């Protein structure tokens, strides 16, 4: 079941977080907008509670996704870069256009995580 959507910086890849399967999936986007090459970018299966829920991409193409235990980060090729542990995430979103912060909301809190690159915003 899709829960979060984000495009790569050049809009050639669509990322989808699949809460039911605990995966981030990637699809190539053709010139006509058709999707192809459905593949698993990152398997987020874990003993920790939670599921993929919210997805953002930075200007370098790194994918940030809330999931079991916190925020998971991977490169566009699926290489797992690491995770930051937090509790009870519900959503992930970016701040101002040039901000290097990732904001995350939980049931009773809002968290801010400084990143090394800014997010991608629609033109």
PDB file of N, CA and C in Angstrom:
ATOM      1  N   UNK A   1       0.842  -1.166   0.000  1.00  0.00           N
ATOM      2  CA  UNK A   1       0.000   0.000   0.000  1.00  0.00           C
ATOM      3  C   UNK A   1       0.894   1.238   0.000  1.00  0.00           C
ATOM      4  N   UNK A   2       0.798   2.091  -1.016  1.00  0.00           N
ATOM      5  CA  UNK A   2       1.608   3.314  -1.067  1.00  0.00           C
ATOM      6  C   UNK A   2       1.227   4.262   0.056  1.00  0.00           C
ATOM      7  N   UNK A   3       2.237   4.889   0.620  1.00  0.00           N
ATOM      8  CA  UNK A   3       1.977   5.821   1.707  1.00  0.00           C
ATOM      9  C   UNK A   3       2.700   7.148   1.502  1.00  0.00           C
ATOM     10  N   UNK A   4       3.861   7.139   0.868  1.00  0.00           N
ATOM     11  CA  UNK A   4       4.591   8.361   0.583  1.00  0.00           C
ATOM     12  C   UNK A   4       5.142   8.303  -0.831  1.00  0.00           C
ATOM     13  N   UNK A   5       5.177   9.442  -1.492  1.00  0.00           N
ATOM     14  CA  UNK A   5       5.683   9.538  -2.863  1.00  0.00           C
ATOM     15  C   UNK A   5       6.690  10.673  -2.948  1.00  0.00           C
ATOM     16  N   UNK A   6       7.747  10.468  -3.750  1.00  0.00           N
ATOM     17  CA  UNK A   6       8.727  11.532  -3.990  1.00  0.00           C
ATOM     18  C   UNK A   6       9.442  11.231  -5.300  1.00  0.00           C
ATOM     19  N   UNK A   7       9.830  12.286  -6.001  1.00  0.00           N
ATOM     20  CA  UNK A   7      10.595  12.134  -7.241  1.00  0.00           C
ATOM     21  C   UNK A   7      12.075  12.386  -6.981  1.00  0.00           C
ATOM     22  N   UNK A   8      12.908  11.769  -7.808  1.00  0.00           N
ATOM     23  CA  UNK A   8      14.336  12.077  -7.803  1.00  0.00           C
ATOM     24  C   UNK A   8      14.499  13.523  -8.244  1.00  0.00           C
ATOM     25  N   UNK A   9      15.666  14.138  -7.972  1.00  0.00           N
ATOM     26  CA  UNK A   9      15.851  15.546  -8.344  1.00  0.00           C
ATOM     27  C   UNK A   9      15.586  15.831  -9.826  1.00  0.00           C
ATOM     28  N   UNK A  10      15.907  14.898 -10.714  1.00  0.00           N
ATOM     29  CA  UNK A  10      15.666  15.119 -12.143  1.00  0.00           C
ATOM     30  C   UNK A  10      14.314  14.566 -12.604  1.00  0.00           C
ATOM     31  N   UNK A  11      13.515  14.081 -11.663  1.00  0.00           N
ATOM     32  CA  UNK A  11      12.167  13.547 -11.900  1.00  0.00           C
ATOM     33  C   UNK A  11      12.147  12.331 -12.817  1.00  0.00           C
ATOM     34  N   UNK A  12      13.261  11.611 -12.912  1.00  0.00           N
ATOM     35  CA  UNK A  12      13.310  10.409 -13.749  1.00  0.00           C
ATOM     36  C   UNK A  12      12.955   9.145 -12.980  1.00  0.00           C
ATOM     37  N   UNK A  13      12.881   9.255 -11.649  1.00  0.00           N
ATOM     38  CA  UNK A  13      12.535   8.108 -10.805  1.00  0.00           C
ATOM     39  C   UNK A  13      11.474   8.542  -9.797  1.00  0.00           C
ATOM     40  N   UNK A  14      10.457   7.699  -9.624  1.00  0.00           N
ATOM     41  CA  UNK A  14       9.435   7.905  -8.602  1.00  0.00           C
ATOM     42  C   UNK A  14       9.696   6.911  -7.479  1.00  0.00           C
ATOM     43  N   UNK A  15       9.781   7.410  -6.251  1.00  0.00           N
ATOM     44  CA  UNK A  15       9.959   6.560  -5.079  1.00  0.00           C
ATOM     45  C   UNK A  15       8.625   6.464  -4.349  1.00  0.00           C
ATOM     46  N   UNK A  16       8.301   5.269  -3.889  1.00  0.00           N
ATOM     47  CA  UNK A  16       7.054   5.023  -3.181  1.00  0.00           C
ATOM     48  C   UNK A  16       7.372   4.227  -1.925  1.00  0.00           C
ATOM     49  N   UNK A  17       6.893   4.695  -0.782  1.00  0.00           N
ATOM     50  CA  UNK A  17       7.063   3.838   0.398  1.00  0.00           C
ATOM     51  C   UNK A  17       5.817   2.977   0.547  1.00  0.00           C
ATOM     52  N   UNK A  18       6.063   1.697   0.735  1.00  0.00           N
ATOM     53  CA  UNK A  18       5.019   0.685   0.812  1.00  0.00           C
ATOM     54  C   UNK A  18       4.958   0.202   2.262  1.00  0.00           C
ATOM     55  N   UNK A  19       4.000   0.726   3.011  1.00  0.00           N
ATOM     56  CA  UNK A  19       3.895   0.405   4.435  1.00  0.00           C
ATOM     57  C   UNK A  19       3.611  -1.069   4.666  1.00  0.00           C
ATOM     58  N   UNK A  20       2.750  -1.661   3.860  1.00  0.00           N
ATOM     59  CA  UNK A  20       2.364  -3.053   4.071  1.00  0.00           C
ATOM     60  C   UNK A  20       3.554  -4.003   3.917  1.00  0.00           C
ATOM     61  N   UNK A  21       4.431  -3.730   2.965  1.00  0.00           N
ATOM     62  CA  UNK A  21       5.576  -4.603   2.709  1.00  0.00           C
ATOM     63  C   UNK A  21       6.866  -4.117   3.371  1.00  0.00           C
ATOM     64  N   UNK A  22       6.814  -2.955   4.009  1.00  0.00           N
ATOM     65  CA  UNK A  22       7.984  -2.339   4.652  1.00  0.00           C
ATOM     66  C   UNK A  22       9.134  -2.186   3.651  1.00  0.00           C
ATOM     67  N   UNK A  23       8.822  -1.537   2.530  1.00  0.00           N
ATOM     68  CA  UNK A  23       9.804  -1.333   1.463  1.00  0.00           C
ATOM     69  C   UNK A  23       9.694   0.071   0.894  1.00  0.00           C
ATOM     70  N   UNK A  24      10.797   0.524   0.320  1.00  0.00           N
ATOM     71  CA  UNK A  24      10.757   1.676  -0.573  1.00  0.00           C
ATOM     72  C   UNK A  24      10.927   1.096  -1.967  1.00  0.00           C
ATOM     73  N   UNK A  25       9.998   1.425  -2.850  1.00  0.00           N
ATOM     74  CA  UNK A  25      10.051   0.935  -4.223  1.00  0.00           C
ATOM     75  C   UNK A  25      10.437   2.095  -5.140  1.00  0.00           C
ATOM     76  N   UNK A  26      11.064   1.770  -6.263  1.00  0.00           N
ATOM     77  CA  UNK A  26      11.467   2.777  -7.247  1.00  0.00           C
ATOM     78  C   UNK A  26      10.891   2.395  -8.604  1.00  0.00           C
ATOM     79  N   UNK A  27      10.474   3.395  -9.358  1.00  0.00           N
ATOM     80  CA  UNK A  27       9.941   3.217 -10.708  1.00  0.00           C
ATOM     81  C   UNK A  27      10.621   4.226 -11.621  1.00  0.00           C
ATOM     82  N   UNK A  28      11.066   3.790 -12.781  1.00  0.00           N
ATOM     83  CA  UNK A  28      11.568   4.732 -13.779  1.00  0.00           C
ATOM     84  C   UNK A  28      10.376   5.461 -14.382  1.00  0.00           C
ATOM     85  N   UNK A  29      10.537   6.754 -14.631  1.00  0.00           N
ATOM     86  CA  UNK A  29       9.478   7.572 -15.230  1.00  0.00           C
ATOM     87  C   UNK A  29       9.887   7.895 -16.662  1.00  0.00           C
ATOM     88  N   UNK A  30       9.091   7.425 -17.630  1.00  0.00           N
ATOM     89  CA  UNK A  30       9.389   7.669 -19.039  1.00  0.00           C
ATOM     90  C   UNK A  30       8.993   9.067 -19.465  1.00  0.00           C
ATOM     91  N   UNK A  31       9.401   9.485 -20.671  1.00  0.00           N
ATOM     92  CA  UNK A  31       9.083  10.825 -21.176  1.00  0.00           C
ATOM     93  C   UNK A  31       7.579  11.099 -21.249  1.00  0.00           C
ATOM     94  N   UNK A  32       6.810  10.024 -21.424  1.00  0.00           N
ATOM     95  CA  UNK A  32       5.355  10.178 -21.501  1.00  0.00           C
ATOM     96  C   UNK A  32       4.687  10.049 -20.133  1.00  0.00           C
ATOM     97  N   UNK A  33       5.497   9.887 -19.071  1.00  0.00           N
ATOM     98  CA  UNK A  33       4.971   9.771 -17.721  1.00  0.00           C
ATOM     99  C   UNK A  33       4.680   8.342 -17.298  1.00  0.00           C
ATOM    100  N   UNK A  34       4.872   7.398 -18.191  1.00  0.00           N
ATOM    101  CA  UNK A  34       4.633   5.990 -17.843  1.00  0.00           C
ATOM    102  C   UNK A  34       5.704   5.486 -16.890  1.00  0.00           C
ATOM    103  N   UNK A  35       5.277   4.644 -15.960  1.00  0.00           N
ATOM    104  CA  UNK A  35       6.196   4.047 -14.995  1.00  0.00           C
ATOM    105  C   UNK A  35       6.640   2.677 -15.480  1.00  0.00           C
ATOM    106  N   UNK A  36       7.917   2.368 -15.257  1.00  0.00           N
ATOM    107  CA  UNK A  36       8.457   1.056 -15.627  1.00  0.00           C
ATOM    108  C   UNK A  36       9.541   0.672 -14.628  1.00  0.00           C
ATOM    109  N   UNK A  37      10.028  -0.552 -14.755  1.00  0.00           N
ATOM    110  CA  UNK A  37      11.141  -1.048 -13.950  1.00  0.00           C
ATOM    111  C   UNK A  37      10.848  -0.947 -12.453  1.00  0.00           C
ATOM    112  N   UNK A  38       9.689  -1.486 -12.047  1.00  0.00           N
ATOM    113  CA  UNK A  38       9.302  -1.530 -10.642  1.00  0.00           C
ATOM    114  C   UNK A  38      10.307  -2.398  -9.894  1.00  0.00           C
ATOM    115  N   UNK A  39      10.941  -1.819  -8.859  1.00  0.00           N
ATOM    116  CA  UNK A  39      11.968  -2.556  -8.119  1.00  0.00           C
ATOM    117  C   UNK A  39      11.985  -2.128  -6.655  1.00  0.00           C
ATOM    118  N   UNK A  40      12.557  -2.984  -5.820  1.00  0.00           N
ATOM    119  CA  UNK A  40      12.740  -2.647  -4.404  1.00  0.00           C
ATOM    120  C   UNK A  40      14.017  -1.830  -4.287  1.00  0.00           C
ATOM    121  N   UNK A  41      13.902  -0.618  -3.777  1.00  0.00           N
ATOM    122  CA  UNK A  41      15.079   0.209  -3.530  1.00  0.00           C
ATOM    123  C   UNK A  41      15.683  -0.152  -2.178  1.00  0.00           C
ATOM    124  N   UNK A  42      14.829  -0.292  -1.156  1.00  0.00           N
ATOM    125  CA  UNK A  42      15.315  -0.589   0.185  1.00  0.00           C
ATOM    126  C   UNK A  42      14.271  -1.398   0.934  1.00  0.00           C
ATOM    127  N   UNK A  43      14.694  -2.522   1.505  1.00  0.00           N
ATOM    128  CA  UNK A  43      13.836  -3.320   2.369  1.00  0.00           C
ATOM    129  C   UNK A  43      14.002  -2.787   3.786  1.00  0.00           C
ATOM    130  N   UNK A  44      12.906  -2.335   4.378  1.00  0.00           N
ATOM    131  CA  UNK A  44      12.960  -1.727   5.701  1.00  0.00           C
ATOM    132  C   UNK A  44      12.429  -2.655   6.786  1.00  0.00           C
ATOM    133  N   UNK A  45      12.447  -3.953   6.528  1.00  0.00           N
ATOM    134  CA  UNK A  45      12.011  -4.912   7.539  1.00  0.00           C
ATOM    135  C   UNK A  45      12.894  -4.786   8.767  1.00  0.00           C
ATOM    136  N   UNK A  46      12.264  -4.838   9.924  1.00  0.00           N
ATOM    137  CA  UNK A  46      12.997  -4.647  11.168  1.00  0.00           C
ATOM    138  C   UNK A  46      12.170  -5.194  12.324  1.00  0.00           C
ATOM    139  N   UNK A  47      12.846  -5.501  13.410  1.00  0.00           N
ATOM    140  CA  UNK A  47      12.167  -5.923  14.636  1.00  0.00           C
ATOM    141  C   UNK A  47      11.561  -4.715  15.350  1.00  0.00           C
ATOM    142  N   UNK A  48      12.029  -3.507  15.025  1.00  0.00           N
ATOM    143  CA  UNK A  48      11.492  -2.296  15.643  1.00  0.00           C
ATOM    144  C   UNK A  48      10.068  -2.056  15.175  1.00  0.00           C
ATOM    145  N   UNK A  49       9.291  -1.386  15.997  1.00  0.00           N
ATOM    146  CA  UNK A  49       7.916  -1.072  15.605  1.00  0.00           C
ATOM    147  C   UNK A  49       7.905   0.049  14.575  1.00  0.00           C
ATOM    148  N   UNK A  50       6.838   0.104  13.813  1.00  0.00           N
ATOM    149  CA  UNK A  50       6.663   1.158  12.818  1.00  0.00           C
ATOM    150  C   UNK A  50       6.789   0.635  11.411  1.00  0.00           C
ATOM    151  N   UNK A  51       6.298   1.434  10.478  1.00  0.00           N
ATOM    152  CA  UNK A  51       6.332   1.103   9.054  1.00  0.00           C
ATOM    153  C   UNK A  51       6.759   2.343   8.276  1.00  0.00           C
ATOM    154  N   UNK A  52       7.192   2.180   7.028  1.00  0.00           N
ATOM    155  CA  UNK A  52       7.496   3.356   6.204  1.00  0.00           C
ATOM    156  C   UNK A  52       6.289   4.291   6.144  1.00  0.00           C
ATOM    157  N   UNK A  53       6.517   5.556   6.448  1.00  0.00           N
ATOM    158  CA  UNK A  53       5.406   6.507   6.516  1.00  0.00           C
ATOM    159  C   UNK A  53       5.952   7.908   6.301  1.00  0.00           C
ATOM    160  N   UNK A  54       6.069   8.298   5.087  1.00  0.00           N
ATOM    161  CA  UNK A  54       6.598   9.613   4.762  1.00  0.00           C
ATOM    162  C   UNK A  54       7.941   9.471   4.083  1.00  0.00           C
ATOM    163  N   UNK A  55       8.149  10.239   3.020  1.00  0.00           N
ATOM    164  CA  UNK A  55       9.311  10.057   2.165  1.00  0.00           C
ATOM    165  C   UNK A  55       9.735  11.397   1.590  1.00  0.00           C
ATOM    166  N   UNK A  56      11.032  11.679   1.614  1.00  0.00           N
ATOM    167  CA  UNK A  56      11.579  12.894   1.010  1.00  0.00           C
ATOM    168  C   UNK A  56      12.898  12.562   0.337  1.00  0.00           C
ATOM    169  N   UNK A  57      13.268  13.384  -0.654  1.00  0.00           N
ATOM    170  CA  UNK A  57      14.523  13.217  -1.389  1.00  0.00           C
ATOM    171  C   UNK A  57      15.296  14.527  -1.301  1.00  0.00           C
ATOM    172  N   UNK A  58      16.617  14.431  -1.081  1.00  0.00           N
ATOM    173  CA  UNK A  58      17.419  15.658  -1.038  1.00  0.00           C
ATOM    174  C   UNK A  58      18.023  15.943  -2.419  1.00  0.00           C
ATOM    175  N   UNK A  59      18.730  17.073  -2.534  1.00  0.00           N
ATOM    176  CA  UNK A  59      19.271  17.492  -3.831  1.00  0.00           C
ATOM    177  C   UNK A  59      20.328  16.542  -4.381  1.00  0.00           C
ATOM    178  N   UNK A  60      20.934  15.725  -3.517  1.00  0.00           N
ATOM    179  CA  UNK A  60      21.920  14.731  -3.969  1.00  0.00           C
ATOM    180  C   UNK A  60      21.253  13.432  -4.400  1.00  0.00           C
ATOM    181  N   UNK A  61      19.936  13.340  -4.230  1.00  0.00           N
ATOM    182  CA  UNK A  61      19.205  12.137  -4.603  1.00  0.00           C
ATOM    183  C   UNK A  61      19.069  11.121  -3.492  1.00  0.00           C
ATOM    184  N   UNK A  62      19.536  11.461  -2.292  1.00  0.00           N
ATOM    185  CA  UNK A  62      19.371  10.554  -1.163  1.00  0.00           C
ATOM    186  C   UNK A  62      17.907  10.524  -0.740  1.00  0.00           C
ATOM    187  N   UNK A  63      17.449   9.345  -0.336  1.00  0.00           N
ATOM    188  CA  UNK A  63      16.054   9.138   0.032  1.00  0.00           C
ATOM    189  C   UNK A  63      15.965   9.011   1.554  1.00  0.00           C
ATOM    190  N   UNK A  64      15.098   9.824   2.164  1.00  0.00           N
ATOM    191  CA  UNK A  64      14.848   9.802   3.602  1.00  0.00           C
ATOM    192  C   UNK A  64      13.434   9.269   3.806  1.00  0.00           C
ATOM    193  N   UNK A  65      13.290   8.290   4.689  1.00  0.00           N
ATOM    194  CA  UNK A  65      11.964   7.719   4.922  1.00  0.00           C
ATOM    195  C   UNK A  65      11.807   7.371   6.395  1.00  0.00           C
ATOM    196  N   UNK A  66      10.695   7.788   7.006  1.00  0.00           N
ATOM    197  CA  UNK A  66      10.437   7.331   8.359  1.00  0.00           C
ATOM    198  C   UNK A  66      10.090   5.856   8.286  1.00  0.00           C
ATOM    199  N   UNK A  67      10.460   5.135   9.302  1.00  0.00           N
ATOM    200  CA  UNK A  67      10.214   3.700   9.303  1.00  0.00           C
ATOM    201  C   UNK A  67      10.438   3.124  10.674  1.00  0.00           C
ATOM    202  N   UNK A  68      10.560   1.804  10.759  1.00  0.00           N
ATOM    203  CA  UNK A  68      10.768   1.167  12.052  1.00  0.00           C
ATOM    204  C   UNK A  68      11.952   1.790  12.799  1.00  0.00           C
ATOM    205  N   UNK A  69      11.679   2.371  13.945  1.00  0.00           N
ATOM    206  CA  UNK A  69      12.732   2.909  14.785  1.00  0.00           C
ATOM    207  C   UNK A  69      13.165   4.324  14.496  1.00  0.00           C
ATOM    208  N   UNK A  70      12.788   4.912  13.381  1.00  0.00           N
ATOM    209  CA  UNK A  70      13.229   6.273  13.099  1.00  0.00           C
ATOM    210  C   UNK A  70      13.264   6.619  11.636  1.00  0.00           C
ATOM    211  N   UNK A  71      14.294   7.367  11.230  1.00  0.00           N
ATOM    212  CA  UNK A  71      14.436   7.809   9.843  1.00  0.00           C
ATOM    213  C   UNK A  71      15.536   6.982   9.181  1.00  0.00           C
ATOM    214  N   UNK A  72      15.215   6.370   8.053  1.00  0.00           N
ATOM    215  CA  UNK A  72      16.155   5.567   7.278  1.00  0.00           C
ATOM    216  C   UNK A  72      16.617   6.402   6.091  1.00  0.00           C
ATOM    217  N   UNK A  73      17.888   6.282   5.707  1.00  0.00           N
ATOM    218  CA  UNK A  73      18.444   7.052   4.595  1.00  0.00           C
ATOM    219  C   UNK A  73      19.189   6.103   3.664  1.00  0.00           C
ATOM    220  N   UNK A  74      18.949   6.261   2.352  1.00  0.00           N
ATOM    221  CA  UNK A  74      19.683   5.468   1.362  1.00  0.00           C
ATOM    222  C   UNK A  74      19.997   6.328   0.149  1.00  0.00           C
ATOM    223  N   UNK A  75      20.967   5.884  -0.623  1.00  0.00           N
ATOM    224  CA  UNK A  75      21.300   6.545  -1.886  1.00  0.00           C
ATOM    225  C   UNK A  75      20.291   6.127  -2.951  1.00  0.00           C
ATOM    226  N   UNK A  76      20.341   6.791  -4.087  1.00  0.00           N
ATOM    227  CA  UNK A  76      19.440   6.487  -5.199  1.00  0.00           C
ATOM    228  C   UNK A  76      19.636   5.071  -5.734  1.00  0.00           C
ATOM    229  N   UNK A  77      20.803   4.476  -5.493  1.00  0.00           N
ATOM    230  CA  UNK A  77      21.049   3.109  -5.950  1.00  0.00           C
ATOM    231  C   UNK A  77      20.645   2.076  -4.901  1.00  0.00           C
ATOM    232  N   UNK A  78      20.073   2.527  -3.784  1.00  0.00           N
ATOM    233  CA  UNK A  78      19.612   1.628  -2.730  1.00  0.00           C
ATOM    234  C   UNK A  78      20.622   1.373  -1.633  1.00  0.00           C
ATOM    235  N   UNK A  79      21.834   1.911  -1.761  1.00  0.00           N
ATOM    236  CA  UNK A  79      22.841   1.710  -0.721  1.00  0.00           C
ATOM    237  C   UNK A  79      22.360   2.350   0.583  1.00  0.00           C
ATOM    238  N   UNK A  80      22.253   1.538   1.613  1.00  0.00           N
ATOM    239  CA  UNK A  80      21.789   2.008   2.917  1.00  0.00           C
ATOM    240  C   UNK A  80      22.866   2.871   3.561  1.00  0.00           C
ATOM    241  N   UNK A  81      22.512   4.098   3.940  1.00  0.00           N
ATOM    242  CA  UNK A  81      23.476   5.018   4.549  1.00  0.00           C
ATOM    243  C   UNK A  81      23.375   5.052   6.066  1.00  0.00           C
ATOM    244  N   UNK A  82      22.214   4.725   6.610  1.00  0.00           N
ATOM    245  CA  UNK A  82      22.067   4.721   8.057  1.00  0.00           C
ATOM    246  C   UNK A  82      20.679   5.138   8.481  1.00  0.00           C
ATOM    247  N   UNK A  83      20.519   5.216   9.785  1.00  0.00           N
ATOM    248  CA  UNK A  83      19.232   5.633  10.331  1.00  0.00           C
ATOM    249  C   UNK A  83      19.437   6.422  11.610  1.00  0.00           C
ATOM    250  N   UNK A  84      18.464   7.279  11.893  1.00  0.00           N
ATOM    251  CA  UNK A  84      18.440   8.045  13.137  1.00  0.00           C
ATOM    252  C   UNK A  84      17.246   7.553  13.930  1.00  0.00           C
ATOM    253  N   UNK A  85      17.484   7.159  15.152  1.00  0.00           N
ATOM    254  CA  UNK A  85      16.416   6.586  15.969  1.00  0.00           C
ATOM    255  C   UNK A  85      15.616   7.657  16.683  1.00  0.00           C
ATOM    256  N   UNK A  86      14.304   7.578  16.516  1.00  0.00           N
ATOM    257  CA  UNK A  86      13.337   8.419  17.206  1.00  0.00           C
ATOM    258  C   UNK A  86      12.153   7.531  17.547  1.00  0.00           C
ATOM    259  N   UNK A  87      11.183   8.089  18.228  1.00  0.00           N
ATOM    260  CA  UNK A  87      10.008   7.307  18.582  1.00  0.00           C
ATOM    261  C   UNK A  87       8.756   7.875  17.935  1.00  0.00           C
ATOM    262  N   UNK A  88       7.841   6.997  17.551  1.00  0.00           N
ATOM    263  CA  UNK A  88       6.472   7.339  17.160  1.00  0.00           C
ATOM    264  C   UNK A  88       6.337   8.294  15.986  1.00  0.00           C
ATOM    265  N   UNK A  89       7.124   8.148  14.944  1.00  0.00           N
ATOM    266  CA  UNK A  89       6.949   9.049  13.800  1.00  0.00           C
ATOM    267  C   UNK A  89       5.655   8.769  13.064  1.00  0.00           C
ATOM    268  N   UNK A  90       5.046   9.831  12.628  1.00  0.00           N
ATOM    269  CA  UNK A  90       3.869   9.719  11.787  1.00  0.00           C
ATOM    270  C   UNK A  90       4.142  10.253  10.382  1.00  0.00           C
ATOM    271  N   UNK A  91       4.872  11.335  10.266  1.00  0.00           N
ATOM    272  CA  UNK A  91       5.107  11.986   8.969  1.00  0.00           C
ATOM    273  C   UNK A  91       6.493  12.596   8.923  1.00  0.00           C
ATOM    274  N   UNK A  92       6.956  12.830   7.691  1.00  0.00           N
ATOM    275  CA  UNK A  92       8.240  13.496   7.474  1.00  0.00           C
ATOM    276  C   UNK A  92       8.005  14.579   6.425  1.00  0.00           C
ATOM    277  N   UNK A  93       8.582  15.727   6.595  1.00  0.00           N
ATOM    278  CA  UNK A  93       8.407  16.811   5.620  1.00  0.00           C
ATOM    279  C   UNK A  93       9.584  17.753   5.698  1.00  0.00           C
ATOM    280  N   UNK A  94       9.777  18.514   4.643  1.00  0.00           N
ATOM    281  CA  UNK A  94      10.903  19.450   4.561  1.00  0.00           C
ATOM    282  C   UNK A  94      10.411  20.852   4.895  1.00  0.00           C
ATOM    283  N   UNK A  95      11.335  21.688   5.281  1.00  0.00           N
ATOM    284  CA  UNK A  95      11.008  23.063   5.645  1.00  0.00           C
ATOM    285  C   UNK A  95      11.121  24.001   4.466  1.00  0.00           C
ATOM    286  N   UNK A  96      11.753  25.139   4.670  1.00  0.00           N
ATOM    287  CA  UNK A  96      11.886  26.152   3.629  1.00  0.00           C
ATOM    288  C   UNK A  96      12.690  25.638   2.451  1.00  0.00           C
ATOM    289  N   UNK A  97      12.546  26.293   1.307  1.00  0.00           N
ATOM    290  CA  UNK A  97      13.156  25.865   0.052  1.00  0.00           C
ATOM    291  C   UNK A  97      14.659  25.578   0.169  1.00  0.00           C
ATOM    292  N   UNK A  98      15.424  26.382   0.832  1.00  0.00           N
ATOM    293  CA  UNK A  98      16.870  26.172   0.917  1.00  0.00           C
ATOM    294  C   UNK A  98      17.297  25.578   2.263  1.00  0.00           C
ATOM    295  N   UNK A  99      16.327  25.178   3.066  1.00  0.00           N
ATOM    296  CA  UNK A  99      16.646  24.669   4.404  1.00  0.00           C
ATOM    297  C   UNK A  99      17.366  23.329   4.328  1.00  0.00           C
ATOM    298  N   UNK A 100      18.210  23.109   5.287  1.00  0.00           N
ATOM    299  CA  UNK A 100      18.903  21.830   5.398  1.00  0.00           C
ATOM    300  C   UNK A 100      18.385  21.106   6.641  1.00  0.00           C
ATOM    301  N   UNK A 101      17.098  21.212   6.846  1.00  0.00           N
ATOM    302  CA  UNK A 101      16.468  20.548   7.978  1.00  0.00           C
ATOM    303  C   UNK A 101      15.359  19.632   7.479  1.00  0.00           C
ATOM    304  N   UNK A 102      15.215  18.521   8.154  1.00  0.00           N
ATOM    305  CA  UNK A 102      14.121  17.597   7.918  1.00  0.00           C
ATOM    306  C   UNK A 102      13.238  17.695   9.153  1.00  0.00           C
ATOM    307  N   UNK A 103      11.971  17.939   8.975  1.00  0.00           N
ATOM    308  CA  UNK A 103      11.049  18.034  10.091  1.00  0.00           C
ATOM    309  C   UNK A 103      10.202  16.775  10.133  1.00  0.00           C
ATOM    310  N   UNK A 104       9.982  16.262  11.336  1.00  0.00           N
ATOM    311  CA  UNK A 104       9.211  15.051  11.508  1.00  0.00           C
ATOM    312  C   UNK A 104       8.193  15.273  12.609  1.00  0.00           C
ATOM    313  N   UNK A 105       6.981  14.800  12.383  1.00  0.00           N
ATOM    314  CA  UNK A 105       5.944  14.951  13.393  1.00  0.00           C
ATOM    315  C   UNK A 105       5.633  13.594  14.003  1.00  0.00           C
ATOM    316  N   UNK A 106       5.376  13.606  15.293  1.00  0.00           N
ATOM    317  CA  UNK A 106       4.972  12.418  16.022  1.00  0.00           C
ATOM    318  C   UNK A 106       3.637  12.725  16.695  1.00  0.00           C
ATOM    319  N   UNK A 107       3.174  11.814  17.477  1.00  0.00           N
ATOM    320  CA  UNK A 107       1.874  12.022  18.119  1.00  0.00           C
ATOM    321  C   UNK A 107       1.832  13.279  18.969  1.00  0.00           C
ATOM    322  N   UNK A 108       2.903  13.554  19.687  1.00  0.00           N
ATOM    323  CA  UNK A 108       2.892  14.690  20.600  1.00  0.00           C
ATOM    324  C   UNK A 108       4.070  15.636  20.408  1.00  0.00           C
ATOM    325  N   UNK A 109       4.865  15.432  19.364  1.00  0.00           N
ATOM    326  CA  UNK A 109       6.093  16.217  19.206  1.00  0.00           C
ATOM    327  C   UNK A 109       6.386  16.538  17.747  1.00  0.00           C
ATOM    328  N   UNK A 110       7.235  17.543  17.554  1.00  0.00           N
ATOM    329  CA  UNK A 110       7.804  17.845  16.245  1.00  0.00           C
ATOM    330  C   UNK A 110       9.318  17.819  16.427  1.00  0.00           C
ATOM    331  N   UNK A 111      10.011  17.110  15.548  1.00  0.00           N
ATOM    332  CA  UNK A 111      11.463  17.003  15.619  1.00  0.00           C
ATOM    333  C   UNK A 111      12.076  17.683  14.407  1.00  0.00           C
ATOM    334  N   UNK A 112      13.281  18.196  14.575  1.00  0.00           N
ATOM    335  CA  UNK A 112      14.026  18.810  13.478  1.00  0.00           C
ATOM    336  C   UNK A 112      15.395  18.146  13.434  1.00  0.00           C
ATOM    337  N   UNK A 113      15.755  17.648  12.251  1.00  0.00           N
ATOM    338  CA  UNK A 113      17.035  16.981  12.047  1.00  0.00           C
ATOM    339  C   UNK A 113      17.809  17.761  10.999  1.00  0.00           C
ATOM    340  N   UNK A 114      19.006  18.229  11.347  1.00  0.00           N
ATOM    341  CA  UNK A 114      19.820  18.952  10.368  1.00  0.00           C
ATOM    342  C   UNK A 114      20.472  17.947   9.427  1.00  0.00           C
ATOM    343  N   UNK A 115      20.424  18.246   8.127  1.00  0.00           N
ATOM    344  CA  UNK A 115      21.029  17.384   7.112  1.00  0.00           C
ATOM    345  C   UNK A 115      22.155  18.148   6.420  1.00  0.00           C
ATOM    346  N   UNK A 116      22.903  17.442   5.586  1.00  0.00           N
ATOM    347  CA  UNK A 116      24.026  18.078   4.894  1.00  0.00           C
ATOM    348  C   UNK A 116      23.620  18.691   3.561  1.00  0.00           C
ATOM    349  N   UNK A 117      22.427  18.366   3.069  1.00  0.00           N
ATOM    350  CA  UNK A 117      21.948  18.938   1.811  1.00  0.00           C
ATOM    351  C   UNK A 117      20.500  19.372   1.960  1.00  0.00           C
ATOM    352  N   UNK A 118      20.083  20.259   1.086  1.00  0.00           N
ATOM    353  CA  UNK A 118      18.699  20.737   1.090  1.00  0.00           C
ATOM    354  C   UNK A 118      17.800  19.744   0.363  1.00  0.00           C
ATOM    355  N   UNK A 119      16.528  19.842   0.635  1.00  0.00           N
ATOM    356  CA  UNK A 119      15.554  18.990  -0.026  1.00  0.00           C
ATOM    357  C   UNK A 119      15.292  19.430  -1.451  1.00  0.00           C
ATOM    358  N   UNK A 120      14.515  18.617  -2.153  1.00  0.00           N
ATOM    359  CA  UNK A 120      14.117  18.919  -3.530  1.00  0.00           C
ATOM    360  C   UNK A 120      12.698  19.450  -3.489  1.00  0.00           C
ATOM    361  N   UNK A 121      12.471  20.565  -4.166  1.00  0.00           N
ATOM    362  CA  UNK A 121      11.151  21.171  -4.225  1.00  0.00           C
ATOM    363  C   UNK A 121      10.716  21.275  -5.679  1.00  0.00           C
ATOM    364  N   UNK A 122       9.417  21.123  -5.936  1.00  0.00           N
ATOM    365  CA  UNK A 122       8.936  21.263  -7.310  1.00  0.00           C
ATOM    366  C   UNK A 122       9.276  22.637  -7.877  1.00  0.00           C
ATOM    367  N   UNK A 123       9.572  22.679  -9.161  1.00  0.00           N
ATOM    368  CA  UNK A 123       9.918  23.958  -9.788  1.00  0.00           C
ATOM    369  C   UNK A 123       8.679  24.771 -10.110  1.00  0.00           C
TER     370      UNK A 123
END
